[in-house]
Every structure is written in C-alpha cells, then in structure tokens.
N, C-alpha and C. Protein backbone atom coordinates (compact mmCIF):
# COMPACT_ATOMS: atom_id res chain seq x y z
N MET A 1 143.84 215.42 107.84
CA MET A 1 143.34 214.90 106.58
C MET A 1 144.54 214.64 105.68
N THR A 2 144.88 213.40 105.56
CA THR A 2 146.01 213.01 104.70
C THR A 2 145.50 212.80 103.27
N PRO A 3 146.41 212.79 102.28
CA PRO A 3 145.97 212.50 100.90
C PRO A 3 145.26 211.15 100.81
N ARG A 4 145.76 210.16 101.53
CA ARG A 4 145.12 208.83 101.50
C ARG A 4 143.70 208.90 102.07
N LYS A 5 143.55 209.56 103.22
CA LYS A 5 142.22 209.68 103.84
C LYS A 5 141.29 210.48 102.92
N SER A 6 141.83 211.51 102.28
CA SER A 6 141.03 212.30 101.33
C SER A 6 140.52 211.42 100.20
N GLU A 7 141.38 210.60 99.64
CA GLU A 7 140.98 209.72 98.55
C GLU A 7 139.94 208.71 99.01
N GLU A 8 140.09 208.18 100.21
CA GLU A 8 139.09 207.25 100.77
C GLU A 8 137.73 207.93 100.86
N LEU A 9 137.71 209.15 101.37
CA LEU A 9 136.44 209.88 101.50
C LEU A 9 135.83 210.15 100.13
N LEU A 10 136.65 210.60 99.20
CA LEU A 10 136.15 210.93 97.87
C LEU A 10 135.62 209.72 97.12
N SER A 11 136.18 208.56 97.36
CA SER A 11 135.71 207.36 96.66
C SER A 11 134.61 206.62 97.43
N SER A 12 134.23 207.12 98.59
CA SER A 12 133.22 206.44 99.41
C SER A 12 131.79 206.78 99.02
N LYS A 13 131.62 207.73 98.14
CA LYS A 13 130.30 208.14 97.65
C LYS A 13 129.45 208.81 98.73
N ILE A 14 130.09 209.44 99.71
CA ILE A 14 129.33 210.19 100.70
C ILE A 14 128.83 211.48 100.07
N ASP A 15 127.77 212.04 100.63
CA ASP A 15 127.14 213.22 100.06
C ASP A 15 127.80 214.52 100.48
N GLN A 16 128.31 214.56 101.71
CA GLN A 16 128.79 215.84 102.23
C GLN A 16 129.94 215.63 103.22
N VAL A 17 130.88 216.56 103.19
CA VAL A 17 131.95 216.61 104.18
C VAL A 17 131.90 217.99 104.82
N ILE A 18 131.85 218.01 106.14
CA ILE A 18 131.85 219.28 106.87
C ILE A 18 133.13 219.36 107.68
N PHE A 19 133.89 220.41 107.46
CA PHE A 19 135.10 220.66 108.23
C PHE A 19 134.79 221.69 109.31
N SER A 20 135.12 221.38 110.55
CA SER A 20 135.02 222.36 111.63
C SER A 20 136.32 223.13 111.65
N PHE A 21 136.22 224.42 111.46
CA PHE A 21 137.40 225.27 111.38
C PHE A 21 137.19 226.44 112.32
N ASN A 22 137.64 226.29 113.55
CA ASN A 22 137.30 227.25 114.60
C ASN A 22 138.39 228.27 114.83
N GLY A 23 138.30 229.33 114.07
CA GLY A 23 139.22 230.44 114.17
C GLY A 23 139.29 231.16 112.84
N SER A 24 139.22 232.47 112.87
CA SER A 24 139.25 233.21 111.61
C SER A 24 140.58 233.91 111.38
N THR A 25 141.50 233.78 112.33
CA THR A 25 142.87 234.24 112.14
C THR A 25 143.80 233.12 112.59
N LYS A 26 145.04 233.19 112.16
CA LYS A 26 146.02 232.18 112.56
C LYS A 26 146.15 232.12 114.08
N GLU A 27 146.25 233.27 114.71
CA GLU A 27 146.43 233.33 116.16
C GLU A 27 145.23 232.73 116.89
N GLU A 28 144.04 233.12 116.47
CA GLU A 28 142.83 232.62 117.11
C GLU A 28 142.71 231.10 116.92
N TYR A 29 142.93 230.64 115.69
CA TYR A 29 142.81 229.21 115.40
C TYR A 29 143.78 228.40 116.26
N GLU A 30 145.02 228.81 116.30
CA GLU A 30 146.02 228.04 117.04
C GLU A 30 145.82 228.11 118.54
N PHE A 31 145.19 229.17 119.03
CA PHE A 31 144.88 229.26 120.45
C PHE A 31 143.78 228.27 120.83
N PHE A 32 142.70 228.25 120.04
CA PHE A 32 141.55 227.40 120.37
C PHE A 32 141.71 225.95 119.93
N MET A 33 142.53 225.69 118.93
CA MET A 33 142.62 224.36 118.34
C MET A 33 143.96 223.67 118.60
N LYS A 34 144.65 224.06 119.66
CA LYS A 34 145.94 223.42 119.99
C LYS A 34 145.80 221.91 119.95
N PRO A 35 146.71 221.19 119.44
CA PRO A 35 148.02 221.54 118.90
C PRO A 35 148.02 221.76 117.38
N LEU A 36 146.84 221.88 116.77
CA LEU A 36 146.77 222.03 115.32
C LEU A 36 147.38 223.35 114.86
N LYS A 37 147.92 223.33 113.66
CA LYS A 37 148.54 224.52 113.08
C LYS A 37 147.67 225.03 111.93
N PHE A 38 147.35 226.30 111.97
CA PHE A 38 146.48 226.96 111.02
C PHE A 38 146.88 226.64 109.58
N ASP A 39 148.13 226.90 109.22
CA ASP A 39 148.57 226.72 107.83
C ASP A 39 148.46 225.27 107.38
N ASP A 40 148.76 224.33 108.27
CA ASP A 40 148.65 222.91 107.93
C ASP A 40 147.21 222.53 107.63
N VAL A 41 146.29 222.98 108.49
CA VAL A 41 144.88 222.61 108.33
C VAL A 41 144.29 223.26 107.09
N VAL A 42 144.57 224.55 106.88
CA VAL A 42 144.09 225.22 105.67
C VAL A 42 144.62 224.49 104.44
N GLY A 43 145.88 224.11 104.47
CA GLY A 43 146.48 223.39 103.34
C GLY A 43 145.83 222.05 103.08
N ARG A 44 145.55 221.31 104.14
CA ARG A 44 144.95 219.98 103.96
C ARG A 44 143.52 220.07 103.44
N ILE A 45 142.76 221.03 103.97
CA ILE A 45 141.39 221.20 103.46
C ILE A 45 141.44 221.65 102.00
N SER A 46 142.32 222.58 101.69
CA SER A 46 142.47 223.05 100.30
C SER A 46 142.87 221.91 99.38
N ASP A 47 143.78 221.04 99.83
CA ASP A 47 144.18 219.88 99.03
C ASP A 47 142.99 218.94 98.79
N PHE A 48 142.16 218.74 99.81
CA PHE A 48 140.97 217.90 99.66
C PHE A 48 140.05 218.48 98.59
N ILE A 49 139.86 219.80 98.63
CA ILE A 49 138.99 220.47 97.66
C ILE A 49 139.56 220.28 96.25
N LYS A 50 140.86 220.43 96.10
CA LYS A 50 141.50 220.24 94.78
C LYS A 50 141.36 218.80 94.31
N MET A 51 141.51 217.85 95.22
CA MET A 51 141.37 216.43 94.85
C MET A 51 139.95 216.12 94.38
N ARG A 52 138.96 216.79 94.96
CA ARG A 52 137.58 216.57 94.53
C ARG A 52 137.41 217.02 93.09
N GLY A 53 138.11 218.07 92.71
CA GLY A 53 138.06 218.55 91.33
C GLY A 53 136.67 218.98 90.92
N ASN A 54 136.24 218.50 89.75
CA ASN A 54 134.94 218.91 89.20
C ASN A 54 133.79 218.01 89.61
N ARG A 55 134.06 217.03 90.46
CA ARG A 55 132.97 216.17 90.93
C ARG A 55 131.94 217.00 91.68
N LYS A 56 130.70 216.63 91.56
CA LYS A 56 129.64 217.36 92.27
C LYS A 56 129.53 216.94 93.73
N THR A 57 130.00 215.75 94.02
CA THR A 57 129.95 215.27 95.40
C THR A 57 131.34 214.80 95.81
N PRO A 58 131.60 214.84 97.07
CA PRO A 58 130.72 215.33 98.12
C PRO A 58 130.67 216.86 98.13
N GLN A 59 129.53 217.38 98.60
CA GLN A 59 129.47 218.81 98.87
C GLN A 59 130.42 219.08 100.03
N ILE A 60 131.06 220.22 100.01
CA ILE A 60 132.01 220.55 101.07
C ILE A 60 131.55 221.82 101.76
N ALA A 61 131.54 221.75 103.09
CA ALA A 61 131.18 222.92 103.89
C ALA A 61 132.22 223.11 104.98
N VAL A 62 132.37 224.34 105.39
CA VAL A 62 133.22 224.68 106.53
C VAL A 62 132.33 225.33 107.57
N HIS A 63 132.37 224.79 108.78
CA HIS A 63 131.66 225.38 109.92
C HIS A 63 132.69 226.10 110.78
N MET A 64 132.43 227.36 111.04
CA MET A 64 133.33 228.17 111.86
C MET A 64 132.57 228.74 113.04
N LEU A 65 133.14 228.59 114.23
CA LEU A 65 132.56 229.24 115.40
C LEU A 65 132.99 230.69 115.42
N LYS A 66 132.05 231.57 115.76
CA LYS A 66 132.39 232.98 115.96
C LYS A 66 132.96 233.08 117.36
N LEU A 67 134.27 233.20 117.44
CA LEU A 67 134.95 233.10 118.72
C LEU A 67 135.34 234.44 119.33
N GLY A 68 135.31 235.49 118.60
CA GLY A 68 135.70 236.78 119.16
C GLY A 68 136.54 237.61 118.22
N ALA A 69 136.92 237.05 117.09
CA ALA A 69 137.70 237.81 116.12
C ALA A 69 136.82 238.89 115.50
N SER A 70 137.45 239.80 114.83
CA SER A 70 136.72 240.90 114.21
C SER A 70 135.84 240.38 113.08
N LYS A 71 134.82 241.16 112.78
CA LYS A 71 133.94 240.81 111.67
C LYS A 71 134.73 240.75 110.37
N ASP A 72 135.71 241.65 110.22
CA ASP A 72 136.52 241.67 109.00
C ASP A 72 137.29 240.37 108.81
N SER A 73 137.85 239.83 109.89
CA SER A 73 138.62 238.58 109.75
C SER A 73 137.70 237.41 109.44
N LEU A 74 136.49 237.42 110.00
CA LEU A 74 135.51 236.37 109.66
C LEU A 74 135.15 236.45 108.18
N ILE A 75 134.92 237.65 107.69
CA ILE A 75 134.56 237.83 106.28
C ILE A 75 135.71 237.40 105.38
N ARG A 76 136.94 237.75 105.75
CA ARG A 76 138.10 237.33 104.94
C ARG A 76 138.19 235.81 104.86
N MET A 77 138.01 235.15 106.00
CA MET A 77 138.10 233.68 106.01
C MET A 77 136.95 233.07 105.22
N ARG A 78 135.75 233.61 105.39
CA ARG A 78 134.60 233.11 104.62
C ARG A 78 134.85 233.28 103.13
N ASN A 79 135.36 234.44 102.73
CA ASN A 79 135.63 234.69 101.32
C ASN A 79 136.69 233.74 100.77
N TYR A 80 137.69 233.41 101.58
CA TYR A 80 138.73 232.47 101.16
C TYR A 80 138.09 231.13 100.79
N TRP A 81 137.26 230.60 101.70
CA TRP A 81 136.64 229.30 101.44
C TRP A 81 135.64 229.39 100.29
N ASN A 82 134.86 230.48 100.24
CA ASN A 82 133.89 230.63 99.15
C ASN A 82 134.57 230.61 97.78
N LYS A 83 135.73 231.22 97.66
CA LYS A 83 136.45 231.24 96.38
C LYS A 83 136.86 229.83 95.95
N LEU A 84 136.98 228.93 96.91
CA LEU A 84 137.31 227.54 96.60
C LEU A 84 136.06 226.70 96.36
N GLY A 85 134.89 227.34 96.35
CA GLY A 85 133.65 226.64 96.08
C GLY A 85 133.04 225.95 97.29
N VAL A 86 133.39 226.43 98.47
CA VAL A 86 132.94 225.80 99.72
C VAL A 86 131.87 226.67 100.37
N THR A 87 130.82 226.01 100.86
CA THR A 87 129.80 226.70 101.65
C THR A 87 130.35 226.92 103.05
N VAL A 88 130.15 228.11 103.58
CA VAL A 88 130.65 228.43 104.92
C VAL A 88 129.47 228.79 105.81
N HIS A 89 129.44 228.18 106.99
CA HIS A 89 128.44 228.51 108.00
C HIS A 89 129.18 229.05 109.21
N ILE A 90 128.85 230.28 109.59
CA ILE A 90 129.45 230.87 110.78
C ILE A 90 128.49 230.63 111.93
N LEU A 91 128.95 229.87 112.89
CA LEU A 91 128.12 229.43 114.00
C LEU A 91 128.56 230.12 115.28
N LYS A 92 127.71 230.06 116.27
CA LYS A 92 128.07 230.58 117.58
C LYS A 92 127.99 229.45 118.59
N TYR A 93 128.40 229.73 119.80
CA TYR A 93 128.35 228.69 120.82
C TYR A 93 126.93 228.19 120.99
N GLU A 94 126.81 226.90 121.21
CA GLU A 94 125.49 226.30 121.39
C GLU A 94 125.25 226.06 122.87
N ASN A 95 124.04 226.40 123.33
CA ASN A 95 123.71 226.22 124.75
C ASN A 95 123.04 224.88 125.05
N ARG A 96 123.01 223.98 124.07
CA ARG A 96 122.46 222.63 124.25
C ARG A 96 121.03 222.66 124.81
N ALA A 97 120.17 223.39 124.11
CA ALA A 97 118.75 223.52 124.48
C ALA A 97 118.59 224.03 125.91
N GLY A 98 119.45 224.95 126.30
CA GLY A 98 119.38 225.54 127.63
C GLY A 98 120.03 224.71 128.71
N ASN A 99 120.60 223.56 128.37
CA ASN A 99 121.22 222.69 129.37
C ASN A 99 122.56 223.21 129.88
N VAL A 100 123.21 224.06 129.12
CA VAL A 100 124.45 224.67 129.60
C VAL A 100 124.03 225.93 130.34
N LYS A 101 123.91 225.79 131.65
CA LYS A 101 123.28 226.82 132.48
C LYS A 101 124.11 228.09 132.62
N ASN A 102 125.42 228.01 132.51
CA ASN A 102 126.22 229.21 132.66
C ASN A 102 126.42 229.94 131.34
N TYR A 103 125.64 229.60 130.37
CA TYR A 103 125.73 230.24 129.06
C TYR A 103 124.92 231.54 129.12
N ASP A 104 125.52 232.56 129.67
CA ASP A 104 124.79 233.81 129.81
C ASP A 104 125.45 234.96 129.07
N VAL A 105 126.51 234.68 128.33
CA VAL A 105 127.19 235.71 127.58
C VAL A 105 126.69 235.65 126.14
N LYS A 106 126.09 236.70 125.69
CA LYS A 106 125.62 236.76 124.31
C LYS A 106 126.77 237.23 123.44
N LEU A 107 127.41 236.33 122.74
CA LEU A 107 128.59 236.66 121.95
C LEU A 107 128.22 237.31 120.62
N THR A 108 127.04 237.03 120.15
CA THR A 108 126.63 237.50 118.84
C THR A 108 125.29 238.20 118.95
N LYS A 109 125.20 239.39 118.40
CA LYS A 109 123.95 240.14 118.49
C LYS A 109 123.07 239.95 117.26
N ASN A 110 123.67 239.82 116.09
CA ASN A 110 122.90 239.75 114.86
C ASN A 110 122.62 238.30 114.48
N VAL A 111 121.56 237.75 115.06
CA VAL A 111 121.20 236.37 114.78
C VAL A 111 119.71 236.28 114.43
N LYS A 112 119.37 235.22 113.73
CA LYS A 112 117.96 234.90 113.51
C LYS A 112 117.81 233.40 113.60
N LYS A 113 116.63 232.96 114.01
CA LYS A 113 116.36 231.52 114.10
C LYS A 113 115.79 231.02 112.78
N ILE A 114 116.21 229.81 112.44
CA ILE A 114 115.70 229.14 111.25
C ILE A 114 115.19 227.77 111.69
N PRO A 115 114.37 227.11 110.87
CA PRO A 115 113.94 225.75 111.24
C PRO A 115 115.15 224.87 111.53
N CYS A 116 115.05 224.08 112.56
CA CYS A 116 116.19 223.32 113.07
C CYS A 116 116.50 222.09 112.22
N TYR A 117 117.73 222.01 111.80
CA TYR A 117 118.21 220.88 111.01
C TYR A 117 118.03 219.56 111.76
N ARG A 118 118.31 219.58 113.05
CA ARG A 118 118.20 218.35 113.83
C ARG A 118 116.76 217.83 113.84
N LEU A 119 115.83 218.72 114.09
CA LEU A 119 114.42 218.33 114.13
C LEU A 119 113.96 217.79 112.79
N LEU A 120 114.36 218.45 111.72
CA LEU A 120 113.86 218.09 110.40
C LEU A 120 114.53 216.85 109.80
N ASN A 121 115.70 216.47 110.30
CA ASN A 121 116.46 215.41 109.64
C ASN A 121 116.88 214.22 110.50
N HIS A 122 116.74 214.32 111.79
CA HIS A 122 117.27 213.26 112.66
C HIS A 122 116.24 212.78 113.68
N MET A 123 116.43 211.55 114.12
CA MET A 123 115.65 211.01 115.22
C MET A 123 116.64 210.56 116.28
N TYR A 124 116.31 210.84 117.54
CA TYR A 124 117.20 210.51 118.65
C TYR A 124 116.50 209.52 119.56
N ILE A 125 117.12 208.36 119.73
CA ILE A 125 116.50 207.27 120.49
C ILE A 125 117.39 206.95 121.68
N VAL A 126 116.78 206.86 122.86
CA VAL A 126 117.54 206.53 124.06
C VAL A 126 117.32 205.07 124.42
N VAL A 127 118.02 204.61 125.43
CA VAL A 127 118.13 203.19 125.73
C VAL A 127 116.78 202.49 125.98
N ASN A 128 115.79 203.20 126.51
CA ASN A 128 114.51 202.57 126.80
C ASN A 128 113.56 202.60 125.60
N GLY A 129 114.04 203.08 124.46
CA GLY A 129 113.21 203.14 123.26
C GLY A 129 112.56 204.48 123.03
N ASP A 130 112.62 205.38 124.01
CA ASP A 130 112.04 206.71 123.82
C ASP A 130 112.76 207.43 122.69
N ALA A 131 111.98 208.06 121.84
CA ALA A 131 112.51 208.96 120.83
C ALA A 131 112.31 210.37 121.39
N VAL A 132 113.42 211.06 121.60
CA VAL A 132 113.34 212.41 122.16
C VAL A 132 113.48 213.42 121.04
N LEU A 133 113.06 214.62 121.33
CA LEU A 133 113.03 215.67 120.33
C LEU A 133 114.40 215.94 119.72
N CYS A 134 115.44 215.87 120.55
CA CYS A 134 116.73 216.38 120.11
C CYS A 134 117.85 215.73 120.90
N CYS A 135 119.04 215.71 120.33
CA CYS A 135 120.21 215.17 121.04
C CYS A 135 120.56 216.02 122.26
N ALA A 136 120.08 217.25 122.32
CA ALA A 136 120.33 218.11 123.48
C ALA A 136 119.29 217.90 124.58
N ASP A 137 118.31 217.05 124.35
CA ASP A 137 117.26 216.78 125.34
C ASP A 137 117.72 215.68 126.29
N TRP A 138 118.72 216.01 127.10
CA TRP A 138 119.31 215.03 128.02
C TRP A 138 118.34 214.56 129.08
N GLU A 139 117.38 215.39 129.43
CA GLU A 139 116.44 215.07 130.51
C GLU A 139 115.15 214.42 129.99
N ARG A 140 115.09 214.16 128.69
CA ARG A 140 113.89 213.57 128.07
C ARG A 140 112.65 214.42 128.35
N GLU A 141 112.80 215.72 128.14
CA GLU A 141 111.69 216.64 128.39
C GLU A 141 110.62 216.57 127.32
N VAL A 142 111.01 216.25 126.10
CA VAL A 142 110.03 216.15 125.01
C VAL A 142 110.21 214.79 124.33
N VAL A 143 109.40 213.84 124.74
CA VAL A 143 109.41 212.50 124.14
C VAL A 143 108.39 212.49 123.02
N ILE A 144 108.85 212.15 121.81
CA ILE A 144 107.95 212.18 120.65
C ILE A 144 107.38 210.81 120.32
N GLY A 145 107.81 209.80 121.04
CA GLY A 145 107.30 208.45 120.83
C GLY A 145 108.23 207.43 121.47
N ASN A 146 107.90 206.16 121.27
CA ASN A 146 108.73 205.09 121.81
C ASN A 146 108.79 203.95 120.80
N LEU A 147 110.00 203.59 120.40
CA LEU A 147 110.16 202.57 119.36
C LEU A 147 109.86 201.16 119.83
N ARG A 148 109.71 200.97 121.12
CA ARG A 148 109.28 199.66 121.61
C ARG A 148 107.77 199.49 121.45
N LYS A 149 107.08 200.61 121.30
CA LYS A 149 105.62 200.58 121.21
C LYS A 149 105.10 201.03 119.84
N GLN A 150 105.95 201.73 119.08
CA GLN A 150 105.52 202.30 117.80
C GLN A 150 106.57 202.02 116.74
N SER A 151 106.15 202.11 115.50
CA SER A 151 107.11 201.97 114.40
C SER A 151 107.88 203.28 114.24
N ILE A 152 109.01 203.19 113.56
CA ILE A 152 109.79 204.40 113.27
C ILE A 152 108.93 205.40 112.51
N SER A 153 108.19 204.91 111.53
CA SER A 153 107.33 205.78 110.73
C SER A 153 106.28 206.48 111.59
N ASN A 154 105.67 205.75 112.51
CA ASN A 154 104.66 206.36 113.38
C ASN A 154 105.25 207.41 114.30
N VAL A 155 106.46 207.18 114.79
CA VAL A 155 107.11 208.19 115.64
C VAL A 155 107.47 209.41 114.79
N TRP A 156 108.09 209.17 113.65
CA TRP A 156 108.55 210.25 112.78
C TRP A 156 107.38 211.12 112.31
N ASN A 157 106.26 210.49 112.01
CA ASN A 157 105.09 211.22 111.51
C ASN A 157 104.06 211.50 112.59
N GLY A 158 104.44 211.27 113.84
CA GLY A 158 103.51 211.43 114.95
C GLY A 158 103.13 212.87 115.26
N LYS A 159 102.11 212.99 116.10
CA LYS A 159 101.52 214.29 116.42
C LYS A 159 102.51 215.26 117.05
N VAL A 160 103.26 214.80 118.04
CA VAL A 160 104.16 215.72 118.76
C VAL A 160 105.22 216.28 117.81
N ARG A 161 105.88 215.42 117.06
CA ARG A 161 106.90 215.89 116.13
C ARG A 161 106.30 216.78 115.06
N ALA A 162 105.13 216.41 114.55
CA ALA A 162 104.46 217.21 113.52
C ALA A 162 104.16 218.62 114.01
N GLU A 163 103.75 218.73 115.28
CA GLU A 163 103.48 220.06 115.85
C GLU A 163 104.76 220.89 115.92
N TYR A 164 105.86 220.26 116.31
CA TYR A 164 107.14 220.97 116.37
C TYR A 164 107.61 221.39 114.99
N VAL A 165 107.50 220.50 114.02
CA VAL A 165 107.93 220.82 112.65
C VAL A 165 107.11 221.99 112.11
N LYS A 166 105.81 221.95 112.30
CA LYS A 166 104.94 223.03 111.82
C LYS A 166 105.31 224.36 112.46
N ALA A 167 105.51 224.35 113.76
CA ALA A 167 105.87 225.58 114.47
C ALA A 167 107.22 226.11 113.99
N HIS A 168 108.17 225.21 113.76
CA HIS A 168 109.48 225.65 113.26
C HIS A 168 109.34 226.31 111.90
N LYS A 169 108.58 225.69 111.01
CA LYS A 169 108.42 226.24 109.67
C LYS A 169 107.69 227.58 109.68
N GLU A 170 106.88 227.80 110.72
CA GLU A 170 106.16 229.06 110.87
C GLU A 170 106.92 230.07 111.73
N GLY A 171 108.08 229.69 112.23
CA GLY A 171 108.89 230.60 113.03
C GLY A 171 108.41 230.81 114.45
N ARG A 172 107.61 229.89 114.97
CA ARG A 172 107.05 230.03 116.33
C ARG A 172 107.89 229.26 117.35
N PHE A 173 109.17 229.54 117.40
CA PHE A 173 110.11 228.81 118.26
C PHE A 173 109.82 229.06 119.74
N ASP A 174 109.40 230.26 120.07
CA ASP A 174 109.19 230.62 121.48
C ASP A 174 108.03 229.88 122.12
N GLU A 175 107.20 229.21 121.34
CA GLU A 175 106.07 228.47 121.88
C GLU A 175 106.43 227.02 122.22
N LEU A 176 107.66 226.61 121.92
CA LEU A 176 108.03 225.21 122.01
C LEU A 176 109.00 224.94 123.15
N LYS A 177 108.64 223.96 123.98
CA LYS A 177 109.54 223.55 125.06
C LYS A 177 110.87 223.12 124.45
N LEU A 178 111.95 223.49 125.05
CA LEU A 178 113.34 223.30 124.64
C LEU A 178 113.74 224.26 123.52
N CYS A 179 112.98 224.31 122.46
CA CYS A 179 113.34 225.18 121.34
C CYS A 179 113.29 226.65 121.74
N ASP A 180 112.46 226.97 122.72
CA ASP A 180 112.34 228.36 123.15
C ASP A 180 113.64 228.89 123.75
N VAL A 181 114.45 228.03 124.34
CA VAL A 181 115.70 228.47 124.97
C VAL A 181 116.94 228.03 124.20
N CYS A 182 116.76 227.24 123.17
CA CYS A 182 117.90 226.70 122.42
C CYS A 182 118.41 227.74 121.42
N ASN A 183 119.72 227.72 121.21
CA ASN A 183 120.28 228.63 120.21
C ASN A 183 120.96 227.88 119.05
N PHE A 184 120.77 226.57 118.97
CA PHE A 184 121.43 225.80 117.90
C PHE A 184 121.02 226.29 116.52
N ASN A 185 119.75 226.62 116.35
CA ASN A 185 119.25 226.99 115.03
C ASN A 185 119.28 228.50 114.79
N GLU A 186 120.08 229.22 115.56
CA GLU A 186 120.29 230.63 115.29
C GLU A 186 121.47 230.75 114.33
N ILE A 187 121.31 231.58 113.33
CA ILE A 187 122.42 231.82 112.41
C ILE A 187 122.84 233.27 112.53
N VAL A 188 124.11 233.51 112.25
CA VAL A 188 124.65 234.85 112.30
C VAL A 188 124.30 235.55 111.00
N VAL A 189 123.74 236.75 111.11
CA VAL A 189 123.42 237.54 109.92
C VAL A 189 124.34 238.75 109.89
N ASP A 190 124.65 239.18 108.69
CA ASP A 190 125.54 240.35 108.55
C ASP A 190 124.82 241.62 108.94
C-alpha cells in the first residue's frame, strides 16, 4: 500500500477496506507472509489510517488468521489496531464448506457460529446460470435458482434461499446442507 494507492482508495468513495494481516507477532507474520516484512506492512496500514483522518469512510477492518500464536499476542495485536480505530476480526482456517477434506485439525476451541455474511450479502452464479448457495459450493450441491430461467430478484427472494436465511438467523446451521459442515461463519470468542 503506497501513499499514492492509499490516496486513490480514499478518493474512490468505497465503503470499506479490509486488510488481511496474518500473524500476531513479527516472527509469525514474516514466516507465513514471505516475502512481506511485518514492520513495513504495519507502517503502511497505519499510514493509510492516518491519511483517512476524520473521514467516516471508508470503514477500515483488519482480518487476522489465528495461526498458532499465543492468545496474549493476538490480544496485543488486536488492541494495537483497535487503538487506531480499526475493527479487528480474528478468523480461523476455513474448510470451504467441507470441501477441504484434510481439514481435521481443530485449531480453535472457543468458537460460535453466526449468520453467514456470504449468504446474507452475496449471490454466486456459475457459467450455466445456476445461482449456488455459496462460493464454496464447488459441486453445486445447493442451487437456489437459475438466472437463465428466473430474475435476480426471484432467485434472491426465492424459497430455497429464504429457508437458509431463516435458519441462519435462528441459529439452526446443523440442519442445512453445506452449512452444517462449514466453518466460515464461526467466530473466535474470548
């Protein structure tokens, strides 16, 4: 993120910028994010935040994967970003709706599921016009409609998607194909 690129983003009137920052210590960050340097990236993100100044937009968030560092180092990093007015989301590895079959190591114990951002905000359309439940639905297991046969509005407000949205809002994830095995919408709780 150069000063020029920062200024372009800030003047583009976008609503939100999310920085992926995978590592809660210098050593961890530089191991997982080679060839990036921890201090350089922290500095560039901090400069972007300063350039935004008192503007309300874009909202700035930092997404961090919980990679194995101590809880204390995660909290320190979260507190650093929070002091700069940034929302921090600590994420864990995603199993892509169960499609990553060797994902059998539970890295995080304290998690809870929340209604899925992808389901509530996005539509995924494949080459034949099928609208699938999610970008992780590579096998087209849950088709919610077809844009060659239906309008976007009809697919978005259709029965299948409505059932999934209702179940998500009620916390009934285990009753839903794909969502029952997906961990994308699990958040880490303290």
